[in-house]
């Protein structure tokens, strides 16, 4: 029973982690592009848009995740139809992670040498061409690092989500390990999470080195 339980919980954790990271990356990428475009020395400077979006990103980043899950229960139920379970957990995981990855991608894009951007402008490149053909390709290795870090952070978030009915390894650790006084199950979940994080980090480091070359 225990191996099957841990196997299913591991699959649930992987499912929540990768789906949430994918959705958070899409949202975060859009936010980062807007922030880079509208900053003071950006291609389309707009203080109102930048300041407003910057504030929203900072507020959501500073929100404690366990509280965010509870606050988003009504929204989660509207979107998914329920506020508990692995699919329901994806909603707060995505919303909680999107501002985090947005800031990481923004920093990666801001690190691109402005001389490259000026060269592209001198050749008559449009704003969209500069973003998608110059800045993003140049920032790609750092963006891979950002995705790797986000995956690892979301693995931790899934464990927290499990304590409030989110499923996955956190749920198993809480219901079968803590509440039933089974330290062995707690240990198994911790070991699996460590292995998962190490695997993600190794793959991320490999991808970064390949792109950096």
N, C-alpha and C. Protein backbone atom coordinates (compact mmCIF):
# COMPACT_ATOMS: atom_id res chain seq x y z
N UNK A 1 0.83 -1.21 0.00
CA UNK A 1 0.00 0.00 0.00
C UNK A 1 0.86 1.27 0.00
N UNK A 2 1.88 1.27 0.88
CA UNK A 2 2.71 2.46 1.02
C UNK A 2 3.46 2.80 -0.27
N UNK A 3 4.11 1.80 -0.93
CA UNK A 3 4.80 2.14 -2.20
C UNK A 3 3.84 2.72 -3.24
N UNK A 4 2.65 2.14 -3.36
CA UNK A 4 1.67 2.64 -4.33
C UNK A 4 1.24 4.05 -3.97
N UNK A 5 1.03 4.29 -2.68
CA UNK A 5 0.62 5.61 -2.20
C UNK A 5 1.68 6.66 -2.53
N UNK A 6 2.94 6.32 -2.27
CA UNK A 6 4.03 7.25 -2.54
C UNK A 6 4.22 7.46 -4.04
N UNK A 7 4.04 6.41 -4.82
CA UNK A 7 4.16 6.51 -6.27
C UNK A 7 3.12 7.46 -6.84
N UNK A 8 1.87 7.28 -6.43
CA UNK A 8 0.79 8.15 -6.92
C UNK A 8 0.99 9.59 -6.46
N UNK A 9 1.43 9.75 -5.21
CA UNK A 9 1.66 11.09 -4.68
C UNK A 9 2.80 11.79 -5.42
N UNK A 10 3.82 11.01 -5.78
CA UNK A 10 4.95 11.58 -6.54
C UNK A 10 4.50 12.05 -7.91
N UNK A 11 3.67 11.24 -8.57
CA UNK A 11 3.13 11.64 -9.88
C UNK A 11 2.27 12.90 -9.75
N UNK A 12 1.49 12.98 -8.68
CA UNK A 12 0.66 14.17 -8.45
C UNK A 12 1.53 15.41 -8.25
N UNK A 13 2.62 15.25 -7.49
CA UNK A 13 3.53 16.37 -7.25
C UNK A 13 4.20 16.82 -8.55
N UNK A 14 4.65 15.87 -9.37
CA UNK A 14 5.26 16.20 -10.65
C UNK A 14 4.24 16.90 -11.56
N UNK A 15 3.02 16.39 -11.58
CA UNK A 15 1.95 16.98 -12.39
C UNK A 15 1.70 18.44 -11.97
N UNK A 16 1.53 18.67 -10.68
CA UNK A 16 1.28 20.03 -10.19
C UNK A 16 2.46 20.94 -10.49
N UNK A 17 3.68 20.43 -10.28
CA UNK A 17 4.89 21.24 -10.45
C UNK A 17 5.07 21.71 -11.89
N UNK A 18 4.98 20.79 -12.83
CA UNK A 18 5.29 21.14 -14.22
C UNK A 18 4.16 21.91 -14.90
N UNK A 19 2.91 21.58 -14.60
CA UNK A 19 1.80 22.34 -15.18
C UNK A 19 1.81 23.77 -14.63
N UNK A 20 2.00 23.90 -13.32
CA UNK A 20 2.02 25.23 -12.69
C UNK A 20 3.19 26.06 -13.21
N UNK A 21 4.36 25.43 -13.37
CA UNK A 21 5.52 26.16 -13.87
C UNK A 21 5.30 26.62 -15.31
N UNK A 22 4.69 25.76 -16.13
CA UNK A 22 4.42 26.14 -17.52
C UNK A 22 3.48 27.34 -17.58
N UNK A 23 2.39 27.29 -16.83
CA UNK A 23 1.43 28.40 -16.83
C UNK A 23 2.04 29.67 -16.23
N UNK A 24 2.80 29.49 -15.14
CA UNK A 24 3.45 30.65 -14.50
C UNK A 24 4.49 31.26 -15.42
N UNK A 25 5.17 30.42 -16.20
CA UNK A 25 6.17 30.94 -17.14
C UNK A 25 5.51 31.79 -18.23
N UNK A 26 4.39 31.32 -18.76
CA UNK A 26 3.69 32.08 -19.80
C UNK A 26 3.26 33.44 -19.25
N UNK A 27 2.63 33.43 -18.08
CA UNK A 27 2.17 34.68 -17.47
C UNK A 27 3.37 35.56 -17.10
N UNK A 28 4.39 34.95 -16.50
CA UNK A 28 5.57 35.70 -16.07
C UNK A 28 6.32 36.31 -17.24
N UNK A 29 6.38 35.59 -18.36
CA UNK A 29 7.06 36.10 -19.55
C UNK A 29 6.36 37.34 -20.08
N UNK A 30 5.03 37.30 -20.12
CA UNK A 30 4.26 38.46 -20.59
C UNK A 30 4.50 39.66 -19.66
N UNK A 31 4.43 39.41 -18.35
CA UNK A 31 4.66 40.48 -17.37
C UNK A 31 6.07 41.06 -17.51
N UNK A 32 7.05 40.18 -17.67
CA UNK A 32 8.44 40.63 -17.77
C UNK A 32 8.66 41.48 -19.02
N UNK A 33 8.07 41.06 -20.14
CA UNK A 33 8.21 41.83 -21.38
C UNK A 33 7.61 43.23 -21.23
N UNK A 34 6.43 43.29 -20.60
CA UNK A 34 5.80 44.61 -20.38
C UNK A 34 6.66 45.48 -19.48
N UNK A 35 7.21 44.88 -18.42
CA UNK A 35 8.06 45.63 -17.50
C UNK A 35 9.32 46.15 -18.20
N UNK A 36 9.93 45.32 -19.03
CA UNK A 36 11.14 45.72 -19.74
C UNK A 36 10.84 46.81 -20.77
N UNK A 37 9.71 46.67 -21.45
CA UNK A 37 9.36 47.67 -22.46
C UNK A 37 9.02 49.02 -21.86
N UNK A 38 8.34 49.02 -20.70
CA UNK A 38 7.81 50.27 -20.14
C UNK A 38 8.70 50.90 -19.07
N UNK A 39 9.86 50.30 -18.79
CA UNK A 39 10.74 50.92 -17.79
C UNK A 39 11.27 52.25 -18.31
N UNK A 40 11.91 53.01 -17.46
CA UNK A 40 12.29 54.39 -17.79
C UNK A 40 13.13 54.49 -19.06
N UNK A 41 14.09 53.59 -19.23
CA UNK A 41 14.93 53.63 -20.44
C UNK A 41 14.58 52.49 -21.39
N UNK A 42 13.32 52.02 -21.33
CA UNK A 42 12.88 50.94 -22.19
C UNK A 42 12.51 51.41 -23.58
N UNK A 43 12.04 50.47 -24.39
CA UNK A 43 11.68 50.80 -25.77
C UNK A 43 10.36 51.55 -25.85
N UNK A 44 9.49 51.37 -24.83
CA UNK A 44 8.20 52.06 -24.79
C UNK A 44 7.97 52.58 -23.37
N UNK A 45 8.77 53.52 -22.89
CA UNK A 45 8.68 53.96 -21.50
C UNK A 45 7.28 54.49 -21.14
N UNK A 46 6.77 53.98 -20.02
CA UNK A 46 5.45 54.39 -19.53
C UNK A 46 5.47 54.23 -18.01
N UNK A 47 5.63 55.34 -17.32
CA UNK A 47 5.81 55.29 -15.87
C UNK A 47 4.61 54.71 -15.15
N UNK A 48 3.40 55.04 -15.61
CA UNK A 48 2.18 54.58 -14.96
C UNK A 48 2.05 53.07 -15.06
N UNK A 49 2.22 52.55 -16.28
CA UNK A 49 2.11 51.11 -16.50
C UNK A 49 3.19 50.37 -15.72
N UNK A 50 4.43 50.86 -15.82
CA UNK A 50 5.53 50.19 -15.13
C UNK A 50 5.34 50.19 -13.62
N UNK A 51 5.01 51.35 -13.06
CA UNK A 51 4.85 51.46 -11.61
C UNK A 51 3.71 50.59 -11.09
N UNK A 52 2.60 50.57 -11.83
CA UNK A 52 1.45 49.77 -11.42
C UNK A 52 1.77 48.28 -11.46
N UNK A 53 2.36 47.84 -12.55
CA UNK A 53 2.70 46.43 -12.69
C UNK A 53 3.80 46.02 -11.72
N UNK A 54 4.74 46.89 -11.52
CA UNK A 54 5.83 46.63 -10.57
C UNK A 54 5.28 46.45 -9.15
N UNK A 55 4.31 47.26 -8.79
CA UNK A 55 3.68 47.16 -7.47
C UNK A 55 2.92 45.84 -7.32
N UNK A 56 2.16 45.48 -8.35
CA UNK A 56 1.39 44.23 -8.31
C UNK A 56 2.32 43.03 -8.16
N UNK A 57 3.39 43.02 -8.92
CA UNK A 57 4.36 41.91 -8.86
C UNK A 57 4.98 41.82 -7.47
N UNK A 58 5.37 42.96 -6.91
CA UNK A 58 5.99 42.97 -5.58
C UNK A 58 5.02 42.51 -4.49
N UNK A 59 3.77 42.95 -4.59
CA UNK A 59 2.76 42.56 -3.58
C UNK A 59 2.51 41.06 -3.62
N UNK A 60 2.31 40.52 -4.82
CA UNK A 60 2.04 39.08 -4.95
C UNK A 60 3.25 38.24 -4.55
N UNK A 61 4.45 38.74 -4.83
CA UNK A 61 5.66 38.01 -4.44
C UNK A 61 5.82 37.93 -2.93
N UNK A 62 5.36 38.96 -2.24
CA UNK A 62 5.54 39.00 -0.79
C UNK A 62 4.41 38.32 -0.02
N UNK A 63 3.37 37.87 -0.74
CA UNK A 63 2.22 37.23 -0.10
C UNK A 63 2.61 35.84 0.37
N UNK A 64 2.44 35.51 1.67
CA UNK A 64 2.73 34.14 2.13
C UNK A 64 1.89 33.12 1.37
N UNK A 65 2.54 32.09 0.84
CA UNK A 65 1.85 31.17 -0.07
C UNK A 65 0.70 30.42 0.61
N UNK A 66 0.89 30.01 1.83
CA UNK A 66 -0.15 29.25 2.52
C UNK A 66 -1.42 30.09 2.69
N UNK A 67 -1.24 31.41 2.89
CA UNK A 67 -2.39 32.31 3.00
C UNK A 67 -3.01 32.54 1.63
N UNK A 68 -2.15 32.63 0.61
CA UNK A 68 -2.63 32.83 -0.76
C UNK A 68 -3.55 31.67 -1.18
N UNK A 69 -3.20 30.46 -0.80
CA UNK A 69 -4.02 29.29 -1.14
C UNK A 69 -5.43 29.48 -0.58
N UNK A 70 -5.50 29.89 0.69
CA UNK A 70 -6.79 30.04 1.36
C UNK A 70 -7.59 31.20 0.75
N UNK A 71 -6.90 32.31 0.49
CA UNK A 71 -7.56 33.48 -0.10
C UNK A 71 -8.14 33.15 -1.47
N UNK A 72 -7.45 32.29 -2.22
CA UNK A 72 -7.87 31.97 -3.58
C UNK A 72 -8.87 30.80 -3.66
N UNK A 73 -9.30 30.27 -2.52
CA UNK A 73 -10.27 29.18 -2.53
C UNK A 73 -11.50 29.49 -3.41
N UNK A 74 -12.12 30.67 -3.26
CA UNK A 74 -13.31 30.98 -4.09
C UNK A 74 -12.98 31.01 -5.59
N UNK A 75 -11.87 31.65 -5.95
CA UNK A 75 -11.46 31.72 -7.35
C UNK A 75 -11.14 30.33 -7.89
N UNK A 76 -10.45 29.54 -7.08
CA UNK A 76 -10.10 28.17 -7.49
C UNK A 76 -11.35 27.35 -7.76
N UNK A 77 -12.35 27.50 -6.90
CA UNK A 77 -13.60 26.75 -7.09
C UNK A 77 -14.32 27.18 -8.35
N UNK A 78 -14.26 28.47 -8.68
CA UNK A 78 -14.89 28.97 -9.91
C UNK A 78 -14.19 28.39 -11.14
N UNK A 79 -12.86 28.36 -11.12
CA UNK A 79 -12.08 27.91 -12.27
C UNK A 79 -12.12 26.40 -12.44
N UNK A 80 -11.90 25.67 -11.35
CA UNK A 80 -11.74 24.22 -11.43
C UNK A 80 -13.01 23.47 -11.03
N UNK A 81 -13.84 24.11 -10.21
CA UNK A 81 -15.05 23.44 -9.73
C UNK A 81 -14.90 22.89 -8.34
N UNK A 82 -13.70 22.92 -7.79
CA UNK A 82 -13.43 22.46 -6.43
C UNK A 82 -12.23 23.23 -5.89
N UNK A 83 -12.11 23.29 -4.58
CA UNK A 83 -10.99 24.02 -3.97
C UNK A 83 -9.94 23.08 -3.39
N UNK A 84 -10.14 21.76 -3.56
CA UNK A 84 -9.16 20.79 -3.06
C UNK A 84 -8.77 19.84 -4.18
N UNK A 85 -7.62 19.21 -4.02
CA UNK A 85 -7.14 18.28 -5.04
C UNK A 85 -5.99 18.84 -5.84
N UNK A 86 -5.36 17.98 -6.63
CA UNK A 86 -4.17 18.40 -7.37
C UNK A 86 -4.46 19.44 -8.44
N UNK A 87 -5.55 19.28 -9.17
CA UNK A 87 -5.89 20.26 -10.20
C UNK A 87 -6.23 21.61 -9.59
N UNK A 88 -6.92 21.59 -8.45
CA UNK A 88 -7.26 22.84 -7.77
C UNK A 88 -6.00 23.56 -7.28
N UNK A 89 -5.01 22.80 -6.85
CA UNK A 89 -3.78 23.40 -6.33
C UNK A 89 -3.01 24.16 -7.40
N UNK A 90 -3.23 23.81 -8.67
CA UNK A 90 -2.51 24.46 -9.76
C UNK A 90 -2.83 25.96 -9.82
N UNK A 91 -4.05 26.34 -9.46
CA UNK A 91 -4.45 27.75 -9.53
C UNK A 91 -3.60 28.62 -8.60
N UNK A 92 -3.56 28.36 -7.29
CA UNK A 92 -2.70 29.18 -6.42
C UNK A 92 -1.22 29.00 -6.72
N UNK A 93 -0.81 27.79 -7.14
CA UNK A 93 0.59 27.58 -7.48
C UNK A 93 1.01 28.48 -8.64
N UNK A 94 0.15 28.59 -9.64
CA UNK A 94 0.44 29.43 -10.80
C UNK A 94 0.45 30.91 -10.42
N UNK A 95 -0.60 31.34 -9.72
CA UNK A 95 -0.70 32.76 -9.35
C UNK A 95 0.42 33.15 -8.39
N UNK A 96 0.80 32.25 -7.49
CA UNK A 96 1.86 32.56 -6.55
C UNK A 96 3.24 32.58 -7.17
N UNK A 97 3.43 31.80 -8.24
CA UNK A 97 4.75 31.68 -8.87
C UNK A 97 4.96 32.64 -10.02
N UNK A 98 3.90 33.06 -10.69
CA UNK A 98 4.03 33.93 -11.87
C UNK A 98 4.80 35.22 -11.57
N UNK A 99 4.49 35.94 -10.48
CA UNK A 99 5.26 37.17 -10.20
C UNK A 99 6.73 36.88 -9.91
N UNK A 100 6.99 35.74 -9.28
CA UNK A 100 8.36 35.34 -8.96
C UNK A 100 9.18 35.13 -10.23
N UNK A 101 8.63 34.35 -11.15
CA UNK A 101 9.36 34.08 -12.39
C UNK A 101 9.38 35.32 -13.29
N UNK A 102 8.35 36.17 -13.18
CA UNK A 102 8.34 37.41 -13.95
C UNK A 102 9.53 38.28 -13.58
N UNK A 103 9.81 38.38 -12.29
CA UNK A 103 10.94 39.19 -11.84
C UNK A 103 12.26 38.58 -12.27
N UNK A 104 12.36 37.27 -12.23
CA UNK A 104 13.59 36.61 -12.66
C UNK A 104 13.84 36.81 -14.15
N UNK A 105 12.79 36.68 -14.95
CA UNK A 105 12.93 36.87 -16.39
C UNK A 105 13.24 38.33 -16.71
N UNK A 106 12.60 39.24 -15.98
CA UNK A 106 12.88 40.67 -16.18
C UNK A 106 14.35 40.96 -15.92
N UNK A 107 14.88 40.42 -14.82
CA UNK A 107 16.30 40.64 -14.50
C UNK A 107 17.20 40.06 -15.58
N UNK A 108 16.83 38.88 -16.09
CA UNK A 108 17.62 38.24 -17.15
C UNK A 108 17.62 39.10 -18.41
N UNK A 109 16.48 39.67 -18.75
CA UNK A 109 16.38 40.51 -19.94
C UNK A 109 17.12 41.83 -19.75
N UNK A 110 17.10 42.36 -18.54
CA UNK A 110 17.79 43.62 -18.27
C UNK A 110 19.31 43.48 -18.31
N UNK A 111 19.79 42.23 -18.16
CA UNK A 111 21.23 41.99 -18.17
C UNK A 111 21.81 41.95 -19.59
N UNK A 112 20.95 41.92 -20.59
CA UNK A 112 21.42 41.90 -21.98
C UNK A 112 22.14 43.22 -22.29
N UNK A 113 23.30 43.11 -22.90
CA UNK A 113 24.11 44.29 -23.24
C UNK A 113 23.30 45.26 -24.11
N UNK A 114 23.17 46.50 -23.65
CA UNK A 114 22.36 47.48 -24.38
C UNK A 114 22.97 47.81 -25.74
N UNK A 115 24.27 47.57 -25.87
CA UNK A 115 24.92 47.81 -27.17
C UNK A 115 24.34 46.93 -28.26
N UNK A 116 23.95 45.71 -27.91
CA UNK A 116 23.33 44.80 -28.88
C UNK A 116 21.97 45.35 -29.31
N UNK A 117 21.23 45.90 -28.34
CA UNK A 117 19.92 46.47 -28.65
C UNK A 117 20.07 47.70 -29.54
N UNK A 118 21.05 48.54 -29.24
CA UNK A 118 21.29 49.73 -30.06
C UNK A 118 21.67 49.34 -31.49
N UNK A 119 22.45 48.28 -31.61
CA UNK A 119 22.85 47.82 -32.95
C UNK A 119 21.62 47.36 -33.74
N UNK A 120 20.71 46.65 -33.05
CA UNK A 120 19.48 46.18 -33.71
C UNK A 120 18.61 47.37 -34.12
N UNK A 121 18.55 48.40 -33.26
CA UNK A 121 17.77 49.60 -33.59
C UNK A 121 18.35 50.32 -34.80
N UNK A 122 19.68 50.36 -34.87
CA UNK A 122 20.32 51.05 -35.98
C UNK A 122 20.06 50.36 -37.32
N UNK A 123 19.76 49.05 -37.26
CA UNK A 123 19.45 48.31 -38.48
C UNK A 123 17.95 48.35 -38.80
N UNK A 124 17.20 49.11 -38.00
CA UNK A 124 15.79 49.28 -38.27
C UNK A 124 14.89 48.19 -37.73
N UNK A 125 15.36 47.43 -36.74
CA UNK A 125 14.54 46.36 -36.16
C UNK A 125 13.36 46.95 -35.40
N UNK A 126 12.22 46.30 -35.49
CA UNK A 126 11.03 46.76 -34.76
C UNK A 126 11.14 46.35 -33.29
N UNK A 127 10.26 46.89 -32.48
CA UNK A 127 10.28 46.57 -31.05
C UNK A 127 10.06 45.08 -30.81
N UNK A 128 9.12 44.49 -31.54
CA UNK A 128 8.85 43.06 -31.35
C UNK A 128 10.05 42.22 -31.79
N UNK A 129 10.73 42.64 -32.85
CA UNK A 129 11.92 41.92 -33.30
C UNK A 129 13.04 42.01 -32.27
N UNK A 130 13.18 43.17 -31.66
CA UNK A 130 14.22 43.35 -30.64
C UNK A 130 13.93 42.45 -29.43
N UNK A 131 12.66 42.38 -29.04
CA UNK A 131 12.29 41.55 -27.89
C UNK A 131 12.49 40.06 -28.19
N UNK A 132 11.93 39.60 -29.29
CA UNK A 132 11.89 38.16 -29.56
C UNK A 132 13.10 37.61 -30.33
N UNK A 133 13.84 38.49 -31.03
CA UNK A 133 14.98 38.01 -31.79
C UNK A 133 16.32 38.46 -31.23
N UNK A 134 16.28 39.40 -30.30
CA UNK A 134 17.54 39.90 -29.74
C UNK A 134 17.60 39.65 -28.23
N UNK A 135 16.68 40.26 -27.48
CA UNK A 135 16.76 40.21 -26.02
C UNK A 135 16.51 38.80 -25.48
N UNK A 136 15.41 38.18 -25.89
CA UNK A 136 15.08 36.84 -25.36
C UNK A 136 16.14 35.79 -25.71
N UNK A 137 16.61 35.72 -26.97
CA UNK A 137 17.67 34.75 -27.25
C UNK A 137 18.94 35.00 -26.44
N UNK A 138 19.31 36.27 -26.26
CA UNK A 138 20.51 36.59 -25.48
C UNK A 138 20.33 36.24 -24.00
N UNK A 139 19.10 36.37 -23.52
CA UNK A 139 18.82 36.12 -22.10
C UNK A 139 18.44 34.67 -21.82
N UNK A 140 18.37 33.83 -22.86
CA UNK A 140 17.86 32.47 -22.71
C UNK A 140 18.58 31.63 -21.64
N UNK A 141 19.93 31.63 -21.57
CA UNK A 141 20.58 30.84 -20.51
C UNK A 141 20.12 31.25 -19.11
N UNK A 142 20.01 32.57 -18.88
CA UNK A 142 19.55 33.04 -17.57
C UNK A 142 18.08 32.70 -17.34
N UNK A 143 17.29 32.69 -18.41
CA UNK A 143 15.88 32.31 -18.29
C UNK A 143 15.75 30.84 -17.93
N UNK A 144 16.64 30.00 -18.49
CA UNK A 144 16.65 28.58 -18.12
C UNK A 144 16.94 28.43 -16.63
N UNK A 145 17.87 29.22 -16.11
CA UNK A 145 18.14 29.20 -14.67
C UNK A 145 16.90 29.62 -13.88
N UNK A 146 16.19 30.61 -14.41
CA UNK A 146 14.97 31.09 -13.74
C UNK A 146 13.91 30.00 -13.70
N UNK A 147 13.75 29.28 -14.80
CA UNK A 147 12.78 28.19 -14.85
C UNK A 147 13.17 27.08 -13.88
N UNK A 148 14.45 26.75 -13.83
CA UNK A 148 14.93 25.72 -12.91
C UNK A 148 14.63 26.11 -11.46
N UNK A 149 14.95 27.35 -11.11
CA UNK A 149 14.69 27.83 -9.76
C UNK A 149 13.20 27.82 -9.44
N UNK A 150 12.38 28.21 -10.42
CA UNK A 150 10.93 28.22 -10.21
C UNK A 150 10.39 26.82 -9.99
N UNK A 151 10.88 25.86 -10.77
CA UNK A 151 10.47 24.46 -10.58
C UNK A 151 10.76 23.99 -9.15
N UNK A 152 11.94 24.32 -8.67
CA UNK A 152 12.33 23.90 -7.32
C UNK A 152 11.47 24.59 -6.27
N UNK A 153 11.20 25.87 -6.46
CA UNK A 153 10.34 26.60 -5.52
C UNK A 153 8.93 26.01 -5.51
N UNK A 154 8.41 25.68 -6.70
CA UNK A 154 7.05 25.14 -6.78
C UNK A 154 6.97 23.75 -6.16
N UNK A 155 8.04 22.96 -6.23
CA UNK A 155 8.06 21.67 -5.53
C UNK A 155 7.81 21.89 -4.04
N UNK A 156 8.46 22.91 -3.48
CA UNK A 156 8.23 23.25 -2.08
C UNK A 156 6.81 23.75 -1.83
N UNK A 157 6.29 24.54 -2.78
CA UNK A 157 4.93 25.04 -2.65
C UNK A 157 3.91 23.90 -2.68
N UNK A 158 4.17 22.86 -3.51
CA UNK A 158 3.22 21.74 -3.57
C UNK A 158 3.13 21.03 -2.23
N UNK A 159 4.26 20.97 -1.52
CA UNK A 159 4.24 20.35 -0.20
C UNK A 159 3.35 21.14 0.76
N UNK A 160 3.43 22.49 0.65
CA UNK A 160 2.55 23.33 1.48
C UNK A 160 1.10 23.18 1.07
N UNK A 161 0.86 23.10 -0.24
CA UNK A 161 -0.51 22.94 -0.73
C UNK A 161 -1.10 21.62 -0.23
N UNK A 162 -0.26 20.60 -0.11
CA UNK A 162 -0.72 19.31 0.37
C UNK A 162 -1.26 19.34 1.78
N UNK A 163 -0.78 20.28 2.57
CA UNK A 163 -1.25 20.37 3.96
C UNK A 163 -2.68 20.92 4.06
N UNK A 164 -3.17 21.52 2.98
CA UNK A 164 -4.55 22.04 2.99
C UNK A 164 -5.38 21.39 1.88
N UNK A 165 -5.08 20.12 1.63
CA UNK A 165 -5.89 19.35 0.68
C UNK A 165 -5.47 19.43 -0.75
N UNK A 166 -4.22 19.83 -1.00
CA UNK A 166 -3.76 19.97 -2.37
C UNK A 166 -3.29 18.69 -3.02
N UNK A 167 -3.16 17.63 -2.23
CA UNK A 167 -2.69 16.36 -2.77
C UNK A 167 -1.18 16.32 -2.88
N UNK A 168 -0.65 15.24 -3.46
CA UNK A 168 0.79 15.11 -3.64
C UNK A 168 1.50 14.63 -2.39
N UNK A 169 2.81 14.77 -2.41
CA UNK A 169 3.63 14.27 -1.31
C UNK A 169 3.38 15.01 0.00
N UNK A 170 3.05 16.29 -0.08
CA UNK A 170 2.74 17.04 1.13
C UNK A 170 1.51 16.50 1.83
N UNK A 171 0.52 16.11 1.06
CA UNK A 171 -0.70 15.53 1.61
C UNK A 171 -0.42 14.19 2.28
N UNK A 172 0.40 13.37 1.63
CA UNK A 172 0.77 12.07 2.21
C UNK A 172 1.56 12.25 3.51
N UNK A 173 2.50 13.19 3.48
CA UNK A 173 3.29 13.46 4.68
C UNK A 173 2.42 13.91 5.84
N UNK A 174 1.41 14.73 5.55
CA UNK A 174 0.53 15.24 6.60
C UNK A 174 -0.44 14.17 7.10
N UNK A 175 -1.17 13.54 6.18
CA UNK A 175 -2.24 12.62 6.58
C UNK A 175 -1.73 11.26 7.05
N UNK A 176 -0.74 10.71 6.35
CA UNK A 176 -0.26 9.37 6.68
C UNK A 176 0.99 9.38 7.54
N UNK A 177 1.78 10.44 7.45
CA UNK A 177 2.99 10.52 8.25
C UNK A 177 2.78 11.20 9.59
N UNK A 178 2.35 12.47 9.54
CA UNK A 178 2.21 13.25 10.77
C UNK A 178 1.01 12.83 11.61
N UNK A 179 -0.17 12.79 10.99
CA UNK A 179 -1.39 12.51 11.75
C UNK A 179 -1.48 11.07 12.24
N UNK A 180 -0.81 10.15 11.57
CA UNK A 180 -0.84 8.74 12.00
C UNK A 180 0.46 8.32 12.69
N UNK A 181 1.29 9.32 12.98
CA UNK A 181 2.54 9.07 13.72
C UNK A 181 3.41 8.02 13.02
N UNK A 182 3.63 8.23 11.70
CA UNK A 182 4.47 7.33 10.91
C UNK A 182 5.69 8.09 10.41
N UNK A 183 6.75 8.18 11.23
CA UNK A 183 7.95 8.91 10.81
C UNK A 183 8.61 8.31 9.56
N UNK A 184 8.39 7.01 9.32
CA UNK A 184 8.99 6.39 8.14
C UNK A 184 8.39 6.97 6.86
N UNK A 185 7.07 7.21 6.86
CA UNK A 185 6.42 7.81 5.70
C UNK A 185 6.90 9.25 5.51
N UNK A 186 7.04 9.96 6.61
CA UNK A 186 7.58 11.33 6.54
C UNK A 186 8.96 11.32 5.90
N UNK A 187 9.78 10.36 6.31
CA UNK A 187 11.15 10.26 5.77
C UNK A 187 11.13 9.94 4.29
N UNK A 188 10.24 9.03 3.88
CA UNK A 188 10.14 8.67 2.46
C UNK A 188 9.77 9.88 1.60
N UNK A 189 8.81 10.66 2.07
CA UNK A 189 8.39 11.84 1.29
C UNK A 189 9.52 12.86 1.17
N UNK A 190 10.25 13.03 2.26
CA UNK A 190 11.38 13.97 2.23
C UNK A 190 12.45 13.50 1.25
N UNK A 191 12.75 12.21 1.27
CA UNK A 191 13.77 11.65 0.37
C UNK A 191 13.35 11.83 -1.09
N UNK A 192 12.08 11.54 -1.38
CA UNK A 192 11.58 11.68 -2.75
C UNK A 192 11.66 13.14 -3.21
N UNK A 193 11.30 14.07 -2.32
CA UNK A 193 11.36 15.48 -2.67
C UNK A 193 12.80 15.93 -2.93
N UNK A 194 13.73 15.42 -2.13
CA UNK A 194 15.15 15.76 -2.32
C UNK A 194 15.64 15.24 -3.67
N UNK A 195 15.28 14.00 -3.99
CA UNK A 195 15.68 13.42 -5.27
C UNK A 195 15.09 14.21 -6.43
N UNK A 196 13.83 14.59 -6.29
CA UNK A 196 13.15 15.37 -7.34
C UNK A 196 13.83 16.71 -7.57
N UNK A 197 14.15 17.39 -6.49
CA UNK A 197 14.82 18.69 -6.59
C UNK A 197 16.20 18.55 -7.21
N UNK A 198 16.94 17.52 -6.80
CA UNK A 198 18.27 17.29 -7.35
C UNK A 198 18.21 17.00 -8.85
N UNK A 199 17.22 16.21 -9.27
CA UNK A 199 17.06 15.89 -10.68
C UNK A 199 16.75 17.14 -11.49
N UNK A 200 15.86 17.98 -10.97
CA UNK A 200 15.52 19.23 -11.66
C UNK A 200 16.74 20.13 -11.79
N UNK A 201 17.52 20.24 -10.70
CA UNK A 201 18.71 21.09 -10.71
C UNK A 201 19.75 20.59 -11.70
N UNK A 202 19.96 19.28 -11.74
CA UNK A 202 20.94 18.70 -12.66
C UNK A 202 20.55 18.94 -14.12
N UNK A 203 19.28 18.73 -14.43
CA UNK A 203 18.79 18.95 -15.80
C UNK A 203 18.91 20.43 -16.17
N UNK A 204 18.53 21.31 -15.23
CA UNK A 204 18.62 22.75 -15.45
C UNK A 204 20.06 23.20 -15.68
N UNK A 205 20.99 22.68 -14.88
CA UNK A 205 22.41 23.03 -15.03
C UNK A 205 22.95 22.55 -16.38
N UNK A 206 22.53 21.35 -16.78
CA UNK A 206 22.97 20.81 -18.07
C UNK A 206 22.47 21.69 -19.23
N UNK A 207 21.19 22.06 -19.17
CA UNK A 207 20.61 22.90 -20.23
C UNK A 207 21.30 24.26 -20.27
N UNK A 208 21.57 24.83 -19.10
CA UNK A 208 22.24 26.14 -19.03
C UNK A 208 23.62 26.08 -19.67
N UNK A 209 24.40 25.04 -19.35
CA UNK A 209 25.75 24.93 -19.90
C UNK A 209 25.73 24.74 -21.41
N UNK A 210 24.76 23.96 -21.90
CA UNK A 210 24.66 23.75 -23.34
C UNK A 210 24.33 25.04 -24.08
N UNK A 211 23.39 25.82 -23.51
CA UNK A 211 22.99 27.07 -24.15
C UNK A 211 24.09 28.13 -24.03
N UNK A 212 24.82 28.09 -22.94
CA UNK A 212 25.88 29.08 -22.72
C UNK A 212 27.01 28.92 -23.72
N UNK A 213 27.20 27.68 -24.20
CA UNK A 213 28.25 27.44 -25.19
C UNK A 213 27.88 28.04 -26.55
